């Protein structure tokens, strides 16, 4: 079976240091707006807000 195109690959960028740290998947149907998560940033060595980039 082929992968569904309803799920897309997104990149999460740290709002403090602007480094792109994480790659994840999200549903285009359920999550229309951009994703925001608190994740660990290795360059800052603390948990910071990460936002979805395009």
Protein backbone atom coordinates (compact mmCIF):
# COMPACT_ATOMS: atom_id res chain seq x y z
CA UNK A 1 0.00 0.00 0.00
CA UNK A 2 1.15 3.53 -0.75
CA UNK A 3 1.55 6.11 1.98
CA UNK A 4 -1.35 8.47 2.40
CA UNK A 5 -0.81 12.09 1.36
CA UNK A 6 -3.05 13.22 4.22
CA UNK A 7 0.00 13.20 6.52
CA UNK A 8 2.86 15.58 5.73
CA UNK A 9 6.42 15.89 6.99
CA UNK A 10 7.12 19.13 8.88
CA UNK A 11 10.23 20.72 10.41
CA UNK A 12 10.25 22.31 13.87
CA UNK A 13 12.43 25.39 14.44
CA UNK A 14 13.55 26.76 17.80
CA UNK A 15 12.17 30.26 18.44
CA UNK A 16 15.22 31.29 20.51
CA UNK A 17 18.21 30.23 18.39
CA UNK A 18 16.35 29.71 15.04
CA UNK A 19 17.93 26.27 14.59
CA UNK A 20 15.86 23.55 12.90
CA UNK A 21 16.08 20.64 15.32
CA UNK A 22 13.19 18.22 14.72
CA UNK A 23 11.38 16.59 11.80
CA UNK A 24 7.95 15.04 12.43
CA UNK A 25 4.67 14.17 10.72
CA UNK A 26 1.26 15.79 11.10
CA UNK A 27 -2.19 15.34 9.67
CA UNK A 28 -3.25 17.98 7.12
CA UNK A 29 -6.93 17.33 7.84
CA UNK A 30 -6.96 17.48 11.66
CA UNK A 31 -4.24 20.13 12.21
CA UNK A 32 -4.74 23.02 9.83
CA UNK A 33 -2.76 25.66 11.72
CA UNK A 34 0.97 25.59 12.36
CA UNK A 35 2.18 23.32 15.13
CA UNK A 36 3.89 24.69 18.29
CA UNK A 37 5.58 22.44 20.86
CA UNK A 38 7.97 22.81 23.77
CA UNK A 39 10.96 20.65 22.86
CA UNK A 40 14.57 20.33 24.01
CA UNK A 41 17.08 22.53 22.15
CA UNK A 42 20.63 21.13 22.28
CA UNK A 43 22.33 24.46 21.50
CA UNK A 44 20.45 26.30 24.27
CA UNK A 45 20.51 23.24 26.56
CA UNK A 46 16.93 23.82 27.76
CA UNK A 47 13.33 23.33 26.70
CA UNK A 48 12.14 26.08 24.36
CA UNK A 49 9.16 26.70 22.11
CA UNK A 50 9.52 25.15 18.64
CA UNK A 51 7.31 26.26 15.74
CA UNK A 52 6.52 24.61 12.42
CA UNK A 53 8.36 25.95 9.37
CA UNK A 54 7.46 25.54 5.72
